[in-house]
C-alpha atoms as a PDB file:
ATOM      1  CA  MET A   1     159.976 102.289 226.186  1.00  0.00           C
ATOM      2  CA  LYS A   2     159.601  98.133 226.006  1.00  0.00           C
ATOM      3  CA  THR A   3     162.069  96.056 228.098  1.00  0.00           C
ATOM      4  CA  ILE A   4     163.544  92.915 226.762  1.00  0.00           C
ATOM      5  CA  ASP A   5     162.645  89.889 229.068  1.00  0.00           C
ATOM      6  CA  PRO A   6     166.507  88.648 230.233  1.00  0.00           C
ATOM      7  CA  GLU A   7     165.829  85.290 229.289  1.00  0.00           C
ATOM      8  CA  LEU A   8     164.695  86.025 225.633  1.00  0.00           C
ATOM      9  CA  GLN A   9     167.573  88.178 225.102  1.00  0.00           C
ATOM     10  CA  LYS A  10     169.932  85.423 226.220  1.00  0.00           C
ATOM     11  CA  LYS A  11     168.234  82.922 223.834  1.00  0.00           C
ATOM     12  CA  PHE A  12     168.534  85.606 221.114  1.00  0.00           C
ATOM     13  CA  ASP A  13     172.277  86.073 221.648  1.00  0.00           C
ATOM     14  CA  ILE A  14     172.870  82.209 221.767  1.00  0.00           C
ATOM     15  CA  ALA A  15     171.080  82.192 218.521  1.00  0.00           C
ATOM     16  CA  ASN A  16     173.029  85.199 216.891  1.00  0.00           C
ATOM     17  CA  LYS A  17     176.263  83.542 218.094  1.00  0.00           C
ATOM     18  CA  LEU A  18     175.517  80.379 216.318  1.00  0.00           C
ATOM     19  CA  PHE A  19     174.418  81.862 213.230  1.00  0.00           C
ATOM     20  CA  LYS A  20     178.190  83.810 213.196  1.00  0.00           C
ATOM     21  CA  GLU A  21     180.038  80.680 213.578  1.00  0.00           C
ATOM     22  CA  LYS A  22     177.493  79.345 210.709  1.00  0.00           C
ATOM     23  CA  LYS A  23     175.803  76.735 213.035  1.00  0.00           C
ATOM     24  CA  TYR A  24     172.708  77.379 210.590  1.00  0.00           C
ATOM     25  CA  LYS A  25     170.796  74.142 211.949  1.00  0.00           C
ATOM     26  CA  ASP A  26     171.159  75.117 215.974  1.00  0.00           C
ATOM     27  CA  SER A  27     170.877  78.427 215.313  1.00  0.00           C
ATOM     28  CA  ALA A  28     167.567  78.237 213.070  1.00  0.00           C
ATOM     29  CA  LYS A  29     166.458  75.943 216.020  1.00  0.00           C
ATOM     30  CA  LYS A  30     166.658  78.654 218.615  1.00  0.00           C
ATOM     31  CA  TYR A  31     165.185  81.306 216.384  1.00  0.00           C
ATOM     32  CA  GLU A  32     162.290  78.718 215.436  1.00  0.00           C
ATOM     33  CA  ASP A  33     162.275  78.261 219.809  1.00  0.00           C
ATOM     34  CA  ILE A  34     161.995  82.434 220.093  1.00  0.00           C
ATOM     35  CA  LEU A  35     159.755  82.536 217.292  1.00  0.00           C
ATOM     36  CA  ILE A  36     156.798  80.580 219.438  1.00  0.00           C
ATOM     37  CA  GLU A  37     157.126  82.728 222.173  1.00  0.00           C
ATOM     38  CA  ASN A  38     157.542  86.154 219.748  1.00  0.00           C
ATOM     39  CA  PRO A  39     155.139  85.259 216.492  1.00  0.00           C
ATOM     40  CA  ASN A  40     155.079  88.753 215.017  1.00  0.00           C
ATOM     41  CA  SER A  41     158.663  89.743 215.508  1.00  0.00           C
ATOM     42  CA  ILE A  42     159.998  90.661 212.146  1.00  0.00           C
ATOM     43  CA  SER A  43     163.793  90.560 213.396  1.00  0.00           C
ATOM     44  CA  ILE A  44     163.736  86.896 214.694  1.00  0.00           C
ATOM     45  CA  LYS A  45     161.858  86.102 211.328  1.00  0.00           C
ATOM     46  CA  ASN A  46     164.484  87.679 209.421  1.00  0.00           C
ATOM     47  CA  ASN A  47     167.073  86.053 211.216  1.00  0.00           C
ATOM     48  CA  LEU A  48     165.335  82.719 210.645  1.00  0.00           C
ATOM     49  CA  ALA A  49     165.244  83.391 207.209  1.00  0.00           C
ATOM     50  CA  LEU A  50     168.920  83.796 207.024  1.00  0.00           C
ATOM     51  CA  CYS A  51     169.303  80.474 208.815  1.00  0.00           C
ATOM     52  CA  TYR A  52     167.125  78.734 205.985  1.00  0.00           C
ATOM     53  CA  GLU A  53     169.054  80.373 203.341  1.00  0.00           C
ATOM     54  CA  GLY A  54     172.113  78.990 204.754  1.00  0.00           C
ATOM     55  CA  LEU A  55     170.788  75.476 205.054  1.00  0.00           C
ATOM     56  CA  GLY A  56     169.416  75.968 201.550  1.00  0.00           C
ATOM     57  CA  GLU A  57     166.008  76.151 202.813  1.00  0.00           C
ATOM     58  CA  PHE A  58     165.303  78.325 200.300  1.00  0.00           C
ATOM     59  CA  GLU A  59     161.428  78.269 200.190  1.00  0.00           C
ATOM     60  CA  LYS A  60     160.953  78.464 203.993  1.00  0.00           C
ATOM     61  CA  ALA A  61     163.224  81.382 203.759  1.00  0.00           C
ATOM     62  CA  VAL A  62     161.194  83.379 200.699  1.00  0.00           C
ATOM     63  CA  ASN A  63     158.449  82.991 203.060  1.00  0.00           C
ATOM     64  CA  LEU A  64     159.906  84.264 206.295  1.00  0.00           C
ATOM     65  CA  TYR A  65     161.066  87.363 204.358  1.00  0.00           C
ATOM     66  CA  LYS A  66     157.892  87.736 202.560  1.00  0.00           C
ATOM     67  CA  GLU A  67     156.220  88.003 205.746  1.00  0.00           C
ATOM     68  CA  CYS A  68     158.653  90.629 207.082  1.00  0.00           C
ATOM     69  CA  ILE A  69     158.256  92.362 204.077  1.00  0.00           C
ATOM     70  CA  ASP A  70     154.196  92.668 204.882  1.00  0.00           C
ATOM     71  CA  ALA A  71     154.759  93.660 208.112  1.00  0.00           C
ATOM     72  CA  LYS A  72     157.332  96.282 207.025  1.00  0.00           C
ATOM     73  CA  PRO A  73     158.548  96.785 203.696  1.00  0.00           C
ATOM     74  CA  ASP A  74     162.126  97.576 204.636  1.00  0.00           C
ATOM     75  CA  PRO A  75     165.063  97.466 201.838  1.00  0.00           C
ATOM     76  CA  LEU A  76     166.811  95.032 204.249  1.00  0.00           C
ATOM     77  CA  PHE A  77     164.071  92.507 203.760  1.00  0.00           C
ATOM     78  CA  LEU A  78     163.795  93.437 200.111  1.00  0.00           C
ATOM     79  CA  ASN A  79     167.537  92.985 199.387  1.00  0.00           C
ATOM     80  CA  ASN A  80     167.233  89.488 201.287  1.00  0.00           C
ATOM     81  CA  ILE A  81     164.030  87.730 199.222  1.00  0.00           C
ATOM     82  CA  GLY A  82     166.027  89.530 195.860  1.00  0.00           C
ATOM     83  CA  ARG A  83     169.224  87.872 197.271  1.00  0.00           C
ATOM     84  CA  VAL A  84     167.509  84.284 197.294  1.00  0.00           C
ATOM     85  CA  TYR A  85     165.518  84.637 194.201  1.00  0.00           C
ATOM     86  CA  PHE A  86     169.030  85.225 192.542  1.00  0.00           C
ATOM     87  CA  THR A  87     170.323  82.264 193.775  1.00  0.00           C
ATOM     88  CA  LEU A  88     167.214  80.351 193.109  1.00  0.00           C
ATOM     89  CA  LYS A  89     168.402  82.208 189.355  1.00  0.00           C
ATOM     90  CA  ASP A  90     164.555  83.500 189.408  1.00  0.00           C
ATOM     91  CA  TYR A  91     165.905  86.694 187.728  1.00  0.00           C
ATOM     92  CA  LYS A  92     162.824  88.150 187.345  1.00  0.00           C
ATOM     93  CA  ASN A  93     161.443  87.958 190.891  1.00  0.00           C
ATOM     94  CA  SER A  94     164.649  89.088 192.063  1.00  0.00           C
ATOM     95  CA  CYS A  95     164.414  92.385 189.817  1.00  0.00           C
ATOM     96  CA  ILE A  96     160.958  92.937 191.228  1.00  0.00           C
ATOM     97  CA  TYR A  97     162.047  93.316 194.952  1.00  0.00           C
ATOM     98  CA  LEU A  98     165.545  94.600 194.212  1.00  0.00           C
ATOM     99  CA  GLU A  99     163.982  97.518 192.182  1.00  0.00           C
ATOM    100  CA  LYS A 100     161.548  97.943 195.091  1.00  0.00           C
ATOM    101  CA  SER A 101     164.589  98.568 197.677  1.00  0.00           C
ATOM    102  CA  LEU A 102     166.795 100.603 195.558  1.00  0.00           C
ATOM    103  CA  SER A 103     163.789 103.111 195.190  1.00  0.00           C
ATOM    104  CA  MET A 104     164.208 103.390 198.711  1.00  0.00           C
ATOM    105  CA  ASN A 105     167.343 104.138 199.179  1.00  0.00           C
ATOM    106  CA  ASN A 106     169.834 103.836 196.038  1.00  0.00           C
ATOM    107  CA  LYS A 107     173.018 104.096 197.368  1.00  0.00           C
ATOM    108  CA  GLN A 108     173.212 100.239 198.149  1.00  0.00           C
ATOM    109  CA  ILE A 109     175.860  99.308 196.481  1.00  0.00           C
ATOM    110  CA  ASN A 110     175.098  95.292 196.844  1.00  0.00           C
ATOM    111  CA  SER A 111     172.056  95.709 195.679  1.00  0.00           C
ATOM    112  CA  ILE A 112     172.526  97.859 192.718  1.00  0.00           C
ATOM    113  CA  GLU A 113     175.438  94.757 191.459  1.00  0.00           C
ATOM    114  CA  LEU A 114     173.033  92.402 192.114  1.00  0.00           C
ATOM    115  CA  LEU A 115     170.288  94.380 190.334  1.00  0.00           C
ATOM    116  CA  THR A 116     172.736  94.542 187.503  1.00  0.00           C
ATOM    117  CA  ALA A 117     173.476  91.186 187.465  1.00  0.00           C
ATOM    118  CA  SER A 118     169.670  89.883 187.330  1.00  0.00           C
ATOM    119  CA  TYR A 119     169.283  92.350 184.639  1.00  0.00           C
ATOM    120  CA  ASN A 120     172.304  90.837 182.777  1.00  0.00           C
ATOM    121  CA  GLN A 121     170.932  87.285 183.421  1.00  0.00           C
ATOM    122  CA  LEU A 122     167.455  88.226 181.453  1.00  0.00           C
ATOM    123  CA  ASN A 123     169.146  89.975 178.838  1.00  0.00           C
ATOM    124  CA  LEU A 124     167.994  93.374 179.864  1.00  0.00           C
ATOM    125  CA  PRO A 125     170.523  95.733 178.463  1.00  0.00           C
ATOM    126  CA  ASP A 126     168.688  98.856 178.288  1.00  0.00           C
ATOM    127  CA  LYS A 127     167.340  98.447 181.833  1.00  0.00           C
ATOM    128  CA  ILE A 128     171.037  98.284 182.573  1.00  0.00           C
ATOM    129  CA  ILE A 129     172.235 101.380 180.971  1.00  0.00           C
ATOM    130  CA  LYS A 130     169.200 103.356 182.447  1.00  0.00           C
ATOM    131  CA  LEU A 131     170.132 101.936 185.596  1.00  0.00           C
ATOM    132  CA  LEU A 132     173.903 102.270 186.029  1.00  0.00           C
ATOM    133  CA  GLU A 133     173.507 106.133 184.305  1.00  0.00           C
ATOM    134  CA  ASN A 134     171.544 107.159 187.138  1.00  0.00           C
ATOM    135  CA  LEU A 135     173.646 105.825 189.621  1.00  0.00           C
ATOM    136  CA  ILE A 136     177.555 105.124 188.444  1.00  0.00           C
ATOM    137  CA  ASP A 137     178.263 108.600 189.397  1.00  0.00           C
ATOM    138  CA  ASN A 138     177.946 107.472 193.222  1.00  0.00           C
ATOM    139  CA  PHE A 139     180.323 104.429 192.848  1.00  0.00           C
ATOM    140  CA  PRO A 140     182.616 106.118 189.971  1.00  0.00           C
ATOM    141  CA  LYS A 141     185.224 103.409 191.022  1.00  0.00           C
ATOM    142  CA  ASN A 142     183.103 100.470 190.718  1.00  0.00           C
ATOM    143  CA  ARG A 143     184.727  98.201 188.561  1.00  0.00           C
ATOM    144  CA  PHE A 144     181.789  95.605 188.212  1.00  0.00           C
ATOM    145  CA  LEU A 145     179.103  98.685 187.490  1.00  0.00           C
ATOM    146  CA  ASN A 146     181.806 100.361 184.823  1.00  0.00           C
ATOM    147  CA  GLY A 147     182.680  97.475 182.991  1.00  0.00           C
ATOM    148  CA  CYS A 148     178.565  96.334 182.901  1.00  0.00           C
ATOM    149  CA  LEU A 149     177.725  99.938 181.712  1.00  0.00           C
ATOM    150  CA  GLY A 150     180.560 100.200 179.229  1.00  0.00           C
ATOM    151  CA  LYS A 151     179.659  96.148 177.582  1.00  0.00           C
ATOM    152  CA  ASN A 152     175.883  97.393 177.591  1.00  0.00           C
ATOM    153  CA  LEU A 153     176.787 100.890 175.777  1.00  0.00           C
ATOM    154  CA  LEU A 154     178.252  98.755 173.324  1.00  0.00           C
ATOM    155  CA  LYS A 155     175.499  96.771 172.721  1.00  0.00           C
ATOM    156  CA  ALA A 156     173.202  99.694 172.397  1.00  0.00           C
ATOM    157  CA  ASN A 157     176.198 101.068 169.729  1.00  0.00           C
ATOM    158  CA  ARG A 158     177.208 103.840 171.913  1.00  0.00           C
ATOM    159  CA  HIS A 159     180.722 102.852 171.478  1.00  0.00           C
ATOM    160  CA  ALA A 160     182.675 105.927 172.704  1.00  0.00           C
ATOM    161  CA  GLU A 161     180.984 105.953 175.593  1.00  0.00           C
ATOM    162  CA  GLY A 162     180.872 101.932 176.187  1.00  0.00           C
ATOM    163  CA  LEU A 163     184.895 101.942 175.546  1.00  0.00           C
ATOM    164  CA  TYR A 164     184.878 104.819 178.286  1.00  0.00           C
ATOM    165  CA  TYR A 165     183.344 102.854 180.892  1.00  0.00           C
ATOM    166  CA  LEU A 166     185.056  99.435 180.070  1.00  0.00           C
ATOM    167  CA  ARG A 167     188.534 101.176 180.256  1.00  0.00           C
ATOM    168  CA  LEU A 168     186.892 102.768 183.676  1.00  0.00           C
ATOM    169  CA  GLY A 169     185.996  99.009 185.056  1.00  0.00           C
ATOM    170  CA  TYR A 170     189.001  96.653 183.202  1.00  0.00           C
ATOM    171  CA  GLY A 171     191.977  99.003 182.422  1.00  0.00           C
ATOM    172  CA  MET A 172     193.125  99.357 178.909  1.00  0.00           C
ATOM    173  CA  VAL A 173     190.945  98.439 176.448  1.00  0.00           C
ATOM    174  CA  GLU A 174     191.623  97.951 172.441  1.00  0.00           C
ATOM    175  CA  LEU A 175     190.131  96.894 169.171  1.00  0.00           C
ATOM    176  CA  ASN A 176     191.748  94.044 167.111  1.00  0.00           C
ATOM    177  CA  GLU A 177     191.815  93.900 163.319  1.00  0.00           C
ATOM    178  CA  ASN A 178     188.279  91.950 163.434  1.00  0.00           C
ATOM    179  CA  LYS A 179     187.162  94.619 165.489  1.00  0.00           C
ATOM    180  CA  GLU A 180     186.993  92.739 168.262  1.00  0.00           C
ATOM    181  CA  ILE A 181     187.431  94.235 171.955  1.00  0.00           C
ATOM    182  CA  ASN A 182     190.508  92.899 173.629  1.00  0.00           C
ATOM    183  CA  ILE A 183     190.977  93.798 177.637  1.00  0.00           C
ATOM    184  CA  ILE A 184     194.721  94.527 178.446  1.00  0.00           C
ATOM    185  CA  ALA A 185     195.439  93.830 181.989  1.00  0.00           C
END
């Protein structure tokens, strides 16, 4: 088992503390210094990318997340880069990374919600339906997922199912005289 240099651990702890305090610039500087000494550390690269994300330096964050993924294609790194691409409104790339992450672990609710939102931005109702029909049983009380599934089932002319999931997502649903859906809170 590899022992960690106490001095390095101290620097790492300080950087983590600064990050938790949302002092991203100071934290990034500490992680950058640590990375010079440990250029292959994916945990340092990931933490530094999180700082860059907090600073709005998304290109730097993406590049570091890609390095992490190249070293170890872990759902954590895939989700992080997917989230950055979503923030940048690059929904296509967001989908690519989130789909890969979910193929490794399909119980990640935040990733499922973000992938659903990415598909929605790309107007891909069939993908939303396929994703959620396969996963909704894992999260039966998630209002966002039920509502999204319901809306997209309606788009696919699967009205009875759509209304069922809309009710689960939003509560009472009715059709008015113009056949428009009203959600009654």
